[in-house]
C-alpha atoms as a PDB file:
ATOM      1  CA  UNK A   1      26.773  11.714 -14.783  1.00  0.00           C
ATOM      2  CA  UNK A   2      26.761   8.105 -14.943  1.00  0.00           C
ATOM      3  CA  UNK A   3      23.864   5.793 -13.728  1.00  0.00           C
ATOM      4  CA  UNK A   4      25.945   4.545 -10.552  1.00  0.00           C
ATOM      5  CA  UNK A   5      26.443   8.078  -9.347  1.00  0.00           C
ATOM      6  CA  UNK A   6      22.428   8.619  -9.649  1.00  0.00           C
ATOM      7  CA  UNK A   7      21.253   5.479  -7.665  1.00  0.00           C
ATOM      8  CA  UNK A   8      23.726   6.820  -5.230  1.00  0.00           C
ATOM      9  CA  UNK A   9      22.697  10.032  -5.312  1.00  0.00           C
ATOM     10  CA  UNK A  10      18.792   9.149  -5.314  1.00  0.00           C
ATOM     11  CA  UNK A  11      18.913   6.738  -2.477  1.00  0.00           C
ATOM     12  CA  UNK A  12      20.807   9.508   0.130  1.00  0.00           C
ATOM     13  CA  UNK A  13      17.905  12.310  -1.061  1.00  0.00           C
ATOM     14  CA  UNK A  14      15.328   9.156  -0.082  1.00  0.00           C
ATOM     15  CA  UNK A  15      17.244   8.363   2.785  1.00  0.00           C
ATOM     16  CA  UNK A  16      18.380  11.656   4.165  1.00  0.00           C
ATOM     17  CA  UNK A  17      20.738  10.296   5.677  1.00  0.00           C
ATOM     18  CA  UNK A  18      24.408   9.056   4.582  1.00  0.00           C
ATOM     19  CA  UNK A  19      24.637   6.150   6.943  1.00  0.00           C
ATOM     20  CA  UNK A  20      21.663   4.647   6.024  1.00  0.00           C
ATOM     21  CA  UNK A  21      21.996   5.133   2.135  1.00  0.00           C
ATOM     22  CA  UNK A  22      25.555   3.163   2.545  1.00  0.00           C
ATOM     23  CA  UNK A  23      23.920   0.471   4.541  1.00  0.00           C
ATOM     24  CA  UNK A  24      21.070   0.240   1.358  1.00  0.00           C
ATOM     25  CA  UNK A  25      23.792   0.464  -1.514  1.00  0.00           C
ATOM     26  CA  UNK A  26      26.045  -1.947   0.738  1.00  0.00           C
ATOM     27  CA  UNK A  27      28.554   0.630   0.064  1.00  0.00           C
ATOM     28  CA  UNK A  28      31.159   2.046   3.163  1.00  0.00           C
ATOM     29  CA  UNK A  29      29.900   5.611   4.018  1.00  0.00           C
ATOM     30  CA  UNK A  30      32.751   7.776   2.718  1.00  0.00           C
ATOM     31  CA  UNK A  31      32.566   5.938  -0.945  1.00  0.00           C
ATOM     32  CA  UNK A  32      28.820   7.235  -0.485  1.00  0.00           C
ATOM     33  CA  UNK A  33      29.994  10.777   0.468  1.00  0.00           C
ATOM     34  CA  UNK A  34      32.982  11.101  -2.301  1.00  0.00           C
ATOM     35  CA  UNK A  35      30.299   9.683  -4.916  1.00  0.00           C
ATOM     36  CA  UNK A  36      27.893  12.978  -3.975  1.00  0.00           C
ATOM     37  CA  UNK A  37      30.649  15.280  -3.735  1.00  0.00           C
ATOM     38  CA  UNK A  38      32.322  14.337  -7.410  1.00  0.00           C
ATOM     39  CA  UNK A  39      28.568  14.660  -8.587  1.00  0.00           C
ATOM     40  CA  UNK A  40      28.217  17.916  -7.191  1.00  0.00           C
ATOM     41  CA  UNK A  41      31.658  18.900  -8.550  1.00  0.00           C
ATOM     42  CA  UNK A  42      31.217  17.565 -11.866  1.00  0.00           C
ATOM     43  CA  UNK A  43      27.504  19.583 -12.292  1.00  0.00           C
ATOM     44  CA  UNK A  44      29.168  22.513 -10.525  1.00  0.00           C
ATOM     45  CA  UNK A  45      26.240  22.734  -8.137  1.00  0.00           C
ATOM     46  CA  UNK A  46      25.177  21.988  -4.466  1.00  0.00           C
ATOM     47  CA  UNK A  47      22.882  19.125  -4.049  1.00  0.00           C
ATOM     48  CA  UNK A  48      22.429  19.047  -0.545  1.00  0.00           C
ATOM     49  CA  UNK A  49      22.093  21.347   2.313  1.00  0.00           C
ATOM     50  CA  UNK A  50      24.362  19.288   5.454  1.00  0.00           C
ATOM     51  CA  UNK A  51      23.938  20.419   9.192  1.00  0.00           C
ATOM     52  CA  UNK A  52      25.891  17.964  11.174  1.00  0.00           C
ATOM     53  CA  UNK A  53      24.499  14.562  10.472  1.00  0.00           C
ATOM     54  CA  UNK A  54      21.020  16.350   9.127  1.00  0.00           C
ATOM     55  CA  UNK A  55      20.753  16.593   5.217  1.00  0.00           C
ATOM     56  CA  UNK A  56      18.200  17.763   3.091  1.00  0.00           C
ATOM     57  CA  UNK A  57      18.005  18.480  -0.766  1.00  0.00           C
ATOM     58  CA  UNK A  58      19.119  22.136  -2.115  1.00  0.00           C
ATOM     59  CA  UNK A  59      16.466  23.455  -4.580  1.00  0.00           C
ATOM     60  CA  UNK A  60      18.781  21.972  -7.393  1.00  0.00           C
ATOM     61  CA  UNK A  61      18.929  18.321  -5.822  1.00  0.00           C
ATOM     62  CA  UNK A  62      15.206  18.081  -5.802  1.00  0.00           C
ATOM     63  CA  UNK A  63      15.180  19.275  -9.627  1.00  0.00           C
ATOM     64  CA  UNK A  64      18.019  16.388  -9.732  1.00  0.00           C
ATOM     65  CA  UNK A  65      15.963  13.839  -8.228  1.00  0.00           C
ATOM     66  CA  UNK A  66      13.068  14.648 -10.512  1.00  0.00           C
ATOM     67  CA  UNK A  67      15.567  13.668 -13.703  1.00  0.00           C
ATOM     68  CA  UNK A  68      17.450  10.767 -11.548  1.00  0.00           C
ATOM     69  CA  UNK A  69      13.994   9.039 -10.676  1.00  0.00           C
ATOM     70  CA  UNK A  70      13.179   8.953 -14.365  1.00  0.00           C
ATOM     71  CA  UNK A  71      16.634   7.827 -15.510  1.00  0.00           C
ATOM     72  CA  UNK A  72      17.095   5.021 -12.973  1.00  0.00           C
ATOM     73  CA  UNK A  73      13.285   3.676 -13.809  1.00  0.00           C
ATOM     74  CA  UNK A  74      13.858   3.983 -17.439  1.00  0.00           C
ATOM     75  CA  UNK A  75      17.222   1.695 -17.389  1.00  0.00           C
ATOM     76  CA  UNK A  76      15.821  -0.703 -14.731  1.00  0.00           C
ATOM     77  CA  UNK A  77      12.749  -1.393 -16.858  1.00  0.00           C
ATOM     78  CA  UNK A  78      15.224  -1.986 -20.079  1.00  0.00           C
ATOM     79  CA  UNK A  79      17.249  -4.623 -18.266  1.00  0.00           C
ATOM     80  CA  UNK A  80      14.490  -6.170 -16.923  1.00  0.00           C
ATOM     81  CA  UNK A  81      12.902  -6.318 -20.341  1.00  0.00           C
ATOM     82  CA  UNK A  82      15.915  -8.151 -22.106  1.00  0.00           C
ATOM     83  CA  UNK A  83      16.114 -10.297 -19.228  1.00  0.00           C
ATOM     84  CA  UNK A  84      12.860 -11.536 -20.426  1.00  0.00           C
ATOM     85  CA  UNK A  85      13.318 -12.154 -23.828  1.00  0.00           C
ATOM     86  CA  UNK A  86      13.987 -15.763 -23.167  1.00  0.00           C
ATOM     87  CA  UNK A  87      10.818 -16.070 -21.946  1.00  0.00           C
ATOM     88  CA  UNK A  88       8.823 -16.719 -18.708  1.00  0.00           C
ATOM     89  CA  UNK A  89      11.039 -18.817 -17.019  1.00  0.00           C
ATOM     90  CA  UNK A  90      12.147 -17.023 -13.861  1.00  0.00           C
ATOM     91  CA  UNK A  91      11.270 -13.663 -11.858  1.00  0.00           C
ATOM     92  CA  UNK A  92       9.608 -12.455  -8.743  1.00  0.00           C
ATOM     93  CA  UNK A  93       6.106 -10.829  -8.261  1.00  0.00           C
ATOM     94  CA  UNK A  94       6.070  -8.300  -5.395  1.00  0.00           C
ATOM     95  CA  UNK A  95       2.591  -7.434  -4.343  1.00  0.00           C
ATOM     96  CA  UNK A  96       1.097  -5.153  -2.029  1.00  0.00           C
ATOM     97  CA  UNK A  97      -1.856  -6.667  -0.186  1.00  0.00           C
ATOM     98  CA  UNK A  98      -4.120  -5.089   2.640  1.00  0.00           C
ATOM     99  CA  UNK A  99      -4.712  -7.671   5.340  1.00  0.00           C
ATOM    100  CA  UNK A 100      -8.264  -7.994   5.784  1.00  0.00           C
ATOM    101  CA  UNK A 101      -8.300  -8.439   1.788  1.00  0.00           C
ATOM    102  CA  UNK A 102      -5.478 -10.984   1.693  1.00  0.00           C
ATOM    103  CA  UNK A 103      -7.140 -12.651   4.841  1.00  0.00           C
ATOM    104  CA  UNK A 104     -10.836 -13.293   3.474  1.00  0.00           C
ATOM    105  CA  UNK A 105     -10.254 -12.776  -0.506  1.00  0.00           C
ATOM    106  CA  UNK A 106      -6.954 -13.730  -2.130  1.00  0.00           C
ATOM    107  CA  UNK A 107      -5.099 -16.340  -0.309  1.00  0.00           C
ATOM    108  CA  UNK A 108      -7.006 -19.227  -2.755  1.00  0.00           C
ATOM    109  CA  UNK A 109      -5.830 -16.810  -5.905  1.00  0.00           C
ATOM    110  CA  UNK A 110      -2.689 -16.458  -4.458  1.00  0.00           C
ATOM    111  CA  UNK A 111      -1.927 -20.183  -4.064  1.00  0.00           C
ATOM    112  CA  UNK A 112      -3.538 -20.710  -7.358  1.00  0.00           C
ATOM    113  CA  UNK A 113      -1.263 -18.728  -9.317  1.00  0.00           C
ATOM    114  CA  UNK A 114       1.551 -20.014  -7.168  1.00  0.00           C
ATOM    115  CA  UNK A 115       0.434 -23.329  -8.453  1.00  0.00           C
ATOM    116  CA  UNK A 116       0.158 -22.007 -12.153  1.00  0.00           C
ATOM    117  CA  UNK A 117       3.889 -20.751 -12.215  1.00  0.00           C
ATOM    118  CA  UNK A 118       5.771 -22.804  -9.827  1.00  0.00           C
ATOM    119  CA  UNK A 119       9.462 -20.954 -11.496  1.00  0.00           C
ATOM    120  CA  UNK A 120       7.894 -17.541 -10.237  1.00  0.00           C
ATOM    121  CA  UNK A 121       8.782 -16.275  -6.910  1.00  0.00           C
ATOM    122  CA  UNK A 122       5.619 -14.751  -5.030  1.00  0.00           C
ATOM    123  CA  UNK A 123       6.201 -12.165  -2.019  1.00  0.00           C
ATOM    124  CA  UNK A 124       3.209 -10.276  -0.692  1.00  0.00           C
ATOM    125  CA  UNK A 125       4.142  -6.757   1.067  1.00  0.00           C
ATOM    126  CA  UNK A 126       1.492  -6.412   3.410  1.00  0.00           C
ATOM    127  CA  UNK A 127      -0.362  -2.778   4.641  1.00  0.00           C
ATOM    128  CA  UNK A 128      -2.892  -0.383   4.198  1.00  0.00           C
ATOM    129  CA  UNK A 129      -3.879   0.436   0.903  1.00  0.00           C
ATOM    130  CA  UNK A 130      -2.934   4.344   1.328  1.00  0.00           C
ATOM    131  CA  UNK A 131       0.469   2.677   2.454  1.00  0.00           C
ATOM    132  CA  UNK A 132       0.640   0.408  -0.640  1.00  0.00           C
ATOM    133  CA  UNK A 133      -0.595   3.739  -3.016  1.00  0.00           C
ATOM    134  CA  UNK A 134       2.132   5.597  -1.495  1.00  0.00           C
ATOM    135  CA  UNK A 135       5.155   2.477  -2.483  1.00  0.00           C
ATOM    136  CA  UNK A 136       4.054   2.324  -6.075  1.00  0.00           C
ATOM    137  CA  UNK A 137       3.971   5.512  -6.541  1.00  0.00           C
ATOM    138  CA  UNK A 138       7.564   5.994  -5.192  1.00  0.00           C
ATOM    139  CA  UNK A 139       8.736   2.493  -7.382  1.00  0.00           C
ATOM    140  CA  UNK A 140       9.300   1.119  -4.675  1.00  0.00           C
ATOM    141  CA  UNK A 141       6.466  -1.515  -5.172  1.00  0.00           C
ATOM    142  CA  UNK A 142       5.773  -3.066  -8.803  1.00  0.00           C
ATOM    143  CA  UNK A 143       2.012  -3.570  -8.434  1.00  0.00           C
ATOM    144  CA  UNK A 144      -0.685  -3.737  -5.451  1.00  0.00           C
ATOM    145  CA  UNK A 145      -4.093  -3.483  -4.275  1.00  0.00           C
ATOM    146  CA  UNK A 146      -5.275  -0.119  -3.735  1.00  0.00           C
ATOM    147  CA  UNK A 147      -8.651   1.874  -2.944  1.00  0.00           C
ATOM    148  CA  UNK A 148      -9.893   3.598  -6.182  1.00  0.00           C
ATOM    149  CA  UNK A 149     -10.532   6.944  -4.202  1.00  0.00           C
ATOM    150  CA  UNK A 150      -9.631   9.229  -7.359  1.00  0.00           C
ATOM    151  CA  UNK A 151      -6.744  10.727  -5.450  1.00  0.00           C
ATOM    152  CA  UNK A 152      -3.708   9.534  -7.530  1.00  0.00           C
ATOM    153  CA  UNK A 153      -3.161   9.856 -11.355  1.00  0.00           C
ATOM    154  CA  UNK A 154       0.034   8.144 -11.294  1.00  0.00           C
ATOM    155  CA  UNK A 155      -1.376   4.976 -11.129  1.00  0.00           C
ATOM    156  CA  UNK A 156      -3.181   2.632 -13.881  1.00  0.00           C
ATOM    157  CA  UNK A 157      -6.582   0.668 -12.060  1.00  0.00           C
ATOM    158  CA  UNK A 158      -8.633  -2.223 -12.937  1.00  0.00           C
ATOM    159  CA  UNK A 159     -11.560  -2.483 -10.695  1.00  0.00           C
ATOM    160  CA  UNK A 160     -11.218  -5.749  -8.981  1.00  0.00           C
ATOM    161  CA  UNK A 161     -13.865  -6.073  -5.858  1.00  0.00           C
ATOM    162  CA  UNK A 162     -16.268  -3.685  -4.657  1.00  0.00           C
ATOM    163  CA  UNK A 163     -16.875  -4.024  -1.131  1.00  0.00           C
ATOM    164  CA  UNK A 164     -19.273  -2.746   1.595  1.00  0.00           C
ATOM    165  CA  UNK A 165     -17.720  -2.068   5.197  1.00  0.00           C
ATOM    166  CA  UNK A 166     -20.638  -2.872   8.252  1.00  0.00           C
ATOM    167  CA  UNK A 167     -20.182  -1.687  11.520  1.00  0.00           C
ATOM    168  CA  UNK A 168     -19.307  -4.536  13.895  1.00  0.00           C
ATOM    169  CA  UNK A 169     -20.687  -5.163  17.232  1.00  0.00           C
ATOM    170  CA  UNK A 170     -21.348  -8.143  19.891  1.00  0.00           C
ATOM    171  CA  UNK A 171     -24.354  -9.591  20.283  1.00  0.00           C
ATOM    172  CA  UNK A 172     -25.014  -8.388  23.722  1.00  0.00           C
ATOM    173  CA  UNK A 173     -24.547  -4.650  22.211  1.00  0.00           C
ATOM    174  CA  UNK A 174     -27.472  -2.462  22.723  1.00  0.00           C
ATOM    175  CA  UNK A 175     -27.280  -1.471  18.936  1.00  0.00           C
ATOM    176  CA  UNK A 176     -27.068  -5.489  17.951  1.00  0.00           C
ATOM    177  CA  UNK A 177     -30.677  -5.705  17.032  1.00  0.00           C
ATOM    178  CA  UNK A 178     -30.512  -2.198  14.719  1.00  0.00           C
ATOM    179  CA  UNK A 179     -31.624  -3.129  10.941  1.00  0.00           C
ATOM    180  CA  UNK A 180     -29.523  -0.099  10.330  1.00  0.00           C
ATOM    181  CA  UNK A 181     -26.951   2.549  11.602  1.00  0.00           C
ATOM    182  CA  UNK A 182     -26.156   6.002  11.126  1.00  0.00           C
ATOM    183  CA  UNK A 183     -22.643   7.319  10.804  1.00  0.00           C
ATOM    184  CA  UNK A 184     -23.495   9.838  13.682  1.00  0.00           C
ATOM    185  CA  UNK A 185     -24.603   6.805  16.120  1.00  0.00           C
ATOM    186  CA  UNK A 186     -21.374   4.823  15.151  1.00  0.00           C
ATOM    187  CA  UNK A 187     -19.014   7.557  16.071  1.00  0.00           C
ATOM    188  CA  UNK A 188     -20.475   8.312  19.116  1.00  0.00           C
ATOM    189  CA  UNK A 189     -19.671   4.661  20.591  1.00  0.00           C
ATOM    190  CA  UNK A 190     -16.172   3.629  21.690  1.00  0.00           C
ATOM    191  CA  UNK A 191     -14.192   2.402  18.738  1.00  0.00           C
ATOM    192  CA  UNK A 192     -11.686  -0.140  17.365  1.00  0.00           C
ATOM    193  CA  UNK A 193      -9.855   0.954  14.653  1.00  0.00           C
ATOM    194  CA  UNK A 194      -7.237   0.444  12.449  1.00  0.00           C
ATOM    195  CA  UNK A 195      -4.040   2.309  12.574  1.00  0.00           C
ATOM    196  CA  UNK A 196      -2.891   5.276  10.398  1.00  0.00           C
ATOM    197  CA  UNK A 197      -2.235   4.554   6.849  1.00  0.00           C
ATOM    198  CA  UNK A 198      -5.619   1.750   6.753  1.00  0.00           C
ATOM    199  CA  UNK A 199      -8.289   3.259   4.513  1.00  0.00           C
ATOM    200  CA  UNK A 200     -10.938   2.047   6.899  1.00  0.00           C
ATOM    201  CA  UNK A 201      -9.323   4.529   9.139  1.00  0.00           C
ATOM    202  CA  UNK A 202      -9.551   7.367   7.460  1.00  0.00           C
ATOM    203  CA  UNK A 203     -12.939   6.884   6.301  1.00  0.00           C
ATOM    204  CA  UNK A 204     -13.763   6.861   9.740  1.00  0.00           C
ATOM    205  CA  UNK A 205     -11.827  10.402  10.366  1.00  0.00           C
ATOM    206  CA  UNK A 206     -13.647  11.389   7.223  1.00  0.00           C
ATOM    207  CA  UNK A 207     -17.032  10.809   8.651  1.00  0.00           C
ATOM    208  CA  UNK A 208     -16.165  12.655  12.160  1.00  0.00           C
ATOM    209  CA  UNK A 209     -14.918  15.473  10.538  1.00  0.00           C
ATOM    210  CA  UNK A 210     -17.843  15.742   8.426  1.00  0.00           C
ATOM    211  CA  UNK A 211     -20.507  15.231  11.439  1.00  0.00           C
ATOM    212  CA  UNK A 212     -17.833  17.528  13.553  1.00  0.00           C
ATOM    213  CA  UNK A 213     -17.620  14.731  16.417  1.00  0.00           C
ATOM    214  CA  UNK A 214     -14.519  13.576  17.853  1.00  0.00           C
ATOM    215  CA  UNK A 215     -14.446   9.882  17.810  1.00  0.00           C
ATOM    216  CA  UNK A 216     -13.509   7.794  21.123  1.00  0.00           C
ATOM    217  CA  UNK A 217     -10.800   5.573  19.717  1.00  0.00           C
ATOM    218  CA  UNK A 218     -10.118   2.884  22.650  1.00  0.00           C
ATOM    219  CA  UNK A 219      -7.978   0.261  20.955  1.00  0.00           C
ATOM    220  CA  UNK A 220      -5.692   0.641  17.957  1.00  0.00           C
ATOM    221  CA  UNK A 221      -4.487  -2.502  15.955  1.00  0.00           C
ATOM    222  CA  UNK A 222      -4.281  -3.971  12.501  1.00  0.00           C
ATOM    223  CA  UNK A 223      -4.559  -7.414  13.778  1.00  0.00           C
ATOM    224  CA  UNK A 224      -7.674  -8.373  12.763  1.00  0.00           C
ATOM    225  CA  UNK A 225      -8.412 -11.139  15.382  1.00  0.00           C
ATOM    226  CA  UNK A 226      -7.295  -8.949  18.034  1.00  0.00           C
ATOM    227  CA  UNK A 227      -9.762  -6.509  16.737  1.00  0.00           C
ATOM    228  CA  UNK A 228     -12.489  -9.267  16.962  1.00  0.00           C
ATOM    229  CA  UNK A 229     -11.450 -10.283  20.324  1.00  0.00           C
ATOM    230  CA  UNK A 230     -11.595  -7.006  21.669  1.00  0.00           C
ATOM    231  CA  UNK A 231     -15.148  -5.984  19.879  1.00  0.00           C
ATOM    232  CA  UNK A 232     -16.527  -9.603  21.704  1.00  0.00           C
ATOM    233  CA  UNK A 233     -15.291  -8.442  25.223  1.00  0.00           C
ATOM    234  CA  UNK A 234     -17.585  -5.456  24.698  1.00  0.00           C
ATOM    235  CA  UNK A 235     -14.482  -2.941  24.800  1.00  0.00           C
ATOM    236  CA  UNK A 236     -15.691  -0.956  21.795  1.00  0.00           C
ATOM    237  CA  UNK A 237     -17.129  -1.548  18.126  1.00  0.00           C
ATOM    238  CA  UNK A 238     -15.592  -1.470  14.744  1.00  0.00           C
ATOM    239  CA  UNK A 239     -16.077  -1.435  10.857  1.00  0.00           C
ATOM    240  CA  UNK A 240     -15.326  -4.548   9.130  1.00  0.00           C
ATOM    241  CA  UNK A 241     -15.365  -6.212   6.190  1.00  0.00           C
ATOM    242  CA  UNK A 242     -18.521  -8.556   5.838  1.00  0.00           C
ATOM    243  CA  UNK A 243     -16.145 -11.784   5.445  1.00  0.00           C
ATOM    244  CA  UNK A 244     -14.118 -10.798   8.485  1.00  0.00           C
ATOM    245  CA  UNK A 245     -16.888 -10.557  10.488  1.00  0.00           C
ATOM    246  CA  UNK A 246     -18.784 -13.721   9.852  1.00  0.00           C
ATOM    247  CA  UNK A 247     -15.075 -15.497  10.198  1.00  0.00           C
ATOM    248  CA  UNK A 248     -15.853 -14.303  13.886  1.00  0.00           C
ATOM    249  CA  UNK A 249     -18.772 -16.417  14.243  1.00  0.00           C
ATOM    250  CA  UNK A 250     -20.799 -14.212  17.393  1.00  0.00           C
ATOM    251  CA  UNK A 251     -20.311 -11.090  15.712  1.00  0.00           C
ATOM    252  CA  UNK A 252     -22.943  -8.648  14.627  1.00  0.00           C
ATOM    253  CA  UNK A 253     -22.784  -6.591  11.084  1.00  0.00           C
ATOM    254  CA  UNK A 254     -25.058  -3.779  11.033  1.00  0.00           C
ATOM    255  CA  UNK A 255     -25.323  -1.936   7.553  1.00  0.00           C
ATOM    256  CA  UNK A 256     -24.752   2.074   7.827  1.00  0.00           C
ATOM    257  CA  UNK A 257     -28.137   4.182   6.548  1.00  0.00           C
ATOM    258  CA  UNK A 258     -25.870   4.938   4.044  1.00  0.00           C
ATOM    259  CA  UNK A 259     -23.996   2.100   2.638  1.00  0.00           C
ATOM    260  CA  UNK A 260     -20.446   2.602   2.741  1.00  0.00           C
ATOM    261  CA  UNK A 261     -18.765   0.764  -0.157  1.00  0.00           C
ATOM    262  CA  UNK A 262     -15.428   1.172  -1.724  1.00  0.00           C
ATOM    263  CA  UNK A 263     -13.753   0.028  -4.986  1.00  0.00           C
ATOM    264  CA  UNK A 264     -10.722  -1.773  -4.421  1.00  0.00           C
ATOM    265  CA  UNK A 265      -8.242  -1.958  -7.607  1.00  0.00           C
ATOM    266  CA  UNK A 266      -5.465  -3.849  -8.682  1.00  0.00           C
ATOM    267  CA  UNK A 267      -2.872  -1.304  -9.840  1.00  0.00           C
ATOM    268  CA  UNK A 268       0.548  -0.071 -11.150  1.00  0.00           C
ATOM    269  CA  UNK A 269       2.208   3.073 -12.060  1.00  0.00           C
ATOM    270  CA  UNK A 270       1.734   4.461 -14.973  1.00  0.00           C
ATOM    271  CA  UNK A 271       4.095   4.228 -17.897  1.00  0.00           C
ATOM    272  CA  UNK A 272       6.146   1.844 -16.107  1.00  0.00           C
ATOM    273  CA  UNK A 273       7.212  -1.504 -17.784  1.00  0.00           C
ATOM    274  CA  UNK A 274       5.500  -4.612 -15.954  1.00  0.00           C
ATOM    275  CA  UNK A 275       7.650  -7.428 -15.889  1.00  0.00           C
ATOM    276  CA  UNK A 276       5.978 -10.256 -17.630  1.00  0.00           C
ATOM    277  CA  UNK A 277       5.854 -12.159 -14.062  1.00  0.00           C
ATOM    278  CA  UNK A 278       3.944  -8.981 -13.075  1.00  0.00           C
ATOM    279  CA  UNK A 279       1.814  -8.902 -16.248  1.00  0.00           C
ATOM    280  CA  UNK A 280       0.978 -12.917 -15.224  1.00  0.00           C
ATOM    281  CA  UNK A 281      -0.115 -12.493 -11.780  1.00  0.00           C
ATOM    282  CA  UNK A 282      -2.350  -9.288 -12.778  1.00  0.00           C
ATOM    283  CA  UNK A 283      -3.882 -11.219 -15.774  1.00  0.00           C
ATOM    284  CA  UNK A 284      -4.408 -14.067 -13.497  1.00  0.00           C
ATOM    285  CA  UNK A 285      -6.123 -12.256 -11.050  1.00  0.00           C
ATOM    286  CA  UNK A 286      -8.557 -10.806 -13.085  1.00  0.00           C
ATOM    287  CA  UNK A 287      -9.542 -13.779 -15.232  1.00  0.00           C
ATOM    288  CA  UNK A 288      -9.951 -15.337 -11.923  1.00  0.00           C
ATOM    289  CA  UNK A 289     -11.937 -12.839  -9.689  1.00  0.00           C
ATOM    290  CA  UNK A 290     -15.318 -13.232 -10.807  1.00  0.00           C
ATOM    291  CA  UNK A 291     -16.389  -9.369 -10.209  1.00  0.00           C
ATOM    292  CA  UNK A 292     -13.394  -8.668 -12.421  1.00  0.00           C
ATOM    293  CA  UNK A 293     -14.012 -10.716 -14.900  1.00  0.00           C
ATOM    294  CA  UNK A 294     -17.444  -9.649 -15.696  1.00  0.00           C
ATOM    295  CA  UNK A 295     -16.465  -6.044 -15.341  1.00  0.00           C
END
């Protein structure tokens, strides 16, 4: 086995399609097919079930993928570390950030980091915290901000910000003057929610399951201005962070009877080499986030 054949095998396994794998590898499809065939011949094992255009890993292929992931990651880490021995003069930071947090908490920090490290390229991958966590676990993203829900043992996490989610209504809503709201009362309303994969959506679904209430989801979007507009026009209520409510100017935030808080962390995969660029970003974030600096 060589690293090229393992990369080819890994990509086909992830994409479950030879054509998509070839596009991702910037190779011709026949070359990819031949590489997999040579690897199977070399090992004397069948790595994929082939059913027309559909493919899936055999048990043997699944075992090899576990080793391939570790080998490829080790080689990538080694190459990166060797390149960085000359110092932090270039590099790329790719960080996953939830849209609401990026809009209201991290904009100044991102610009501050970019000003402090003008030679580094900064790229933000937007998504829900669940999706970001999955990308880090799969090795497709180096660092990201996730919710510390205790579910993942694969990630190294450092507490960054603790936030409270409030029910959000317009000023004319019957609940607008209430000092607090219960979960069942919230779930009984028509709801405007983020799409699947966002922590706010998962929390709502968990609460609905706990109280055995089927939520009335009238609108789904990840666009915060659109959520604000729908609430403003009285087509539903939602649950948002305080900065997103304050930003709207005319919406009301109502605490839940049982405070709904969550801990946001900067996370990366355990036992994975963090490039100097990524480590610099983590250090900068922790140093310039007050709650993290005082942890």
